[in-house]
Amino acid sequence: ASLVVANDCGPMHLACAFQKPTIAIFGPTTFEQFGAYPIDHPRNANLQAEGGDWSKLPLETVTQTALRLLQA
């Protein structure tokens, strides 16, 4: 995969283990504890939905993040 977009789940952690660019989307759980590891690595992006409500995470934010990671 060129890029993996996932919630806090097994495939997200596998993508990180295989060092694939990863966008991890978090609702009620926090990325500080369960995020795409290493959290501060430029190939990973951890996006936290405001108030834990996934509907408050704008699609544009995810899209722009994906484009940034694909261009890196």
Protein backbone atom coordinates (compact mmCIF):
# COMPACT_ATOMS: atom_id res chain seq x y z
CA ALA A 1 0.00 0.00 0.00
CA SER A 2 1.15 3.53 -0.72
CA LEU A 3 -0.91 4.87 2.18
CA VAL A 4 -3.11 3.33 4.86
CA VAL A 5 -6.05 5.22 6.38
CA ALA A 6 -7.58 3.43 9.35
CA ASN A 7 -9.08 3.87 12.75
CA ASP A 8 -7.45 2.47 15.92
CA CYS A 9 -7.35 -1.14 14.73
CA GLY A 10 -5.05 -3.99 13.80
CA PRO A 11 -4.49 -2.94 10.17
CA MET A 12 -3.31 0.50 11.34
CA HIS A 13 -0.76 -1.06 13.66
CA LEU A 14 0.37 -3.50 10.92
CA ALA A 15 0.87 -0.60 8.51
CA CYS A 16 3.12 1.08 11.06
CA ALA A 17 5.03 -2.15 11.65
CA PHE A 18 5.67 -2.39 7.90
CA GLN A 19 6.69 1.30 7.88
CA LYS A 20 3.92 2.38 5.48
CA PRO A 21 2.62 5.94 5.52
CA THR A 22 -0.35 5.84 7.87
CA ILE A 23 -3.22 8.12 8.77
CA ALA A 24 -4.74 6.97 12.04
CA ILE A 25 -8.16 8.40 12.83
CA PHE A 26 -9.23 8.56 16.45
CA GLY A 27 -12.61 9.27 17.97
CA PRO A 28 -13.05 8.54 21.67
CA THR A 29 -9.64 6.90 22.16
CA THR A 30 -6.52 9.04 22.28
CA PHE A 31 -3.70 8.80 19.79
CA GLU A 32 -1.12 9.63 22.47
CA GLN A 33 -1.61 6.15 23.89
CA PHE A 34 -2.67 4.10 20.85
CA GLY A 35 -1.54 6.13 17.83
CA ALA A 36 0.42 5.28 14.72
CA TYR A 37 3.91 4.58 16.03
CA PRO A 38 6.27 6.29 16.15
CA ILE A 39 3.85 9.11 16.81
CA ASP A 40 6.27 11.88 15.80
CA HIS A 41 7.52 10.18 12.62
CA PRO A 42 6.77 12.17 9.42
CA ARG A 43 5.27 9.11 7.67
CA ASN A 44 2.52 8.92 10.32
CA ALA A 45 -0.39 11.24 10.97
CA ASN A 46 -2.69 10.85 13.96
CA LEU A 47 -5.95 12.74 13.60
CA GLN A 48 -8.15 13.22 16.66
CA ALA A 49 -11.85 13.94 16.11
CA GLU A 50 -13.07 16.86 18.20
CA GLY A 51 -14.86 15.64 21.31
CA GLY A 52 -14.46 12.04 20.15
CA ASP A 53 -17.13 12.60 17.48
CA TRP A 54 -15.91 11.26 14.13
CA SER A 55 -18.45 13.37 12.26
CA LYS A 56 -16.55 16.47 13.44
CA LEU A 57 -13.36 15.45 11.62
CA PRO A 58 -13.56 17.24 8.26
CA LEU A 59 -12.97 15.12 5.18
CA GLU A 60 -10.77 17.93 3.87
CA THR A 61 -8.42 17.44 6.82
CA VAL A 62 -8.04 13.75 6.01
CA THR A 63 -7.65 14.44 2.28
CA GLN A 64 -5.01 17.14 2.77
CA THR A 65 -3.11 14.90 5.16
CA ALA A 66 -3.22 12.03 2.66
CA LEU A 67 -1.90 14.25 -0.14
CA ARG A 68 0.91 15.49 2.09
CA LEU A 69 1.98 11.97 3.04
CA LEU A 70 1.79 10.72 -0.57
CA GLN A 71 3.99 13.58 -1.77
CA ALA A 72 6.65 12.98 0.90
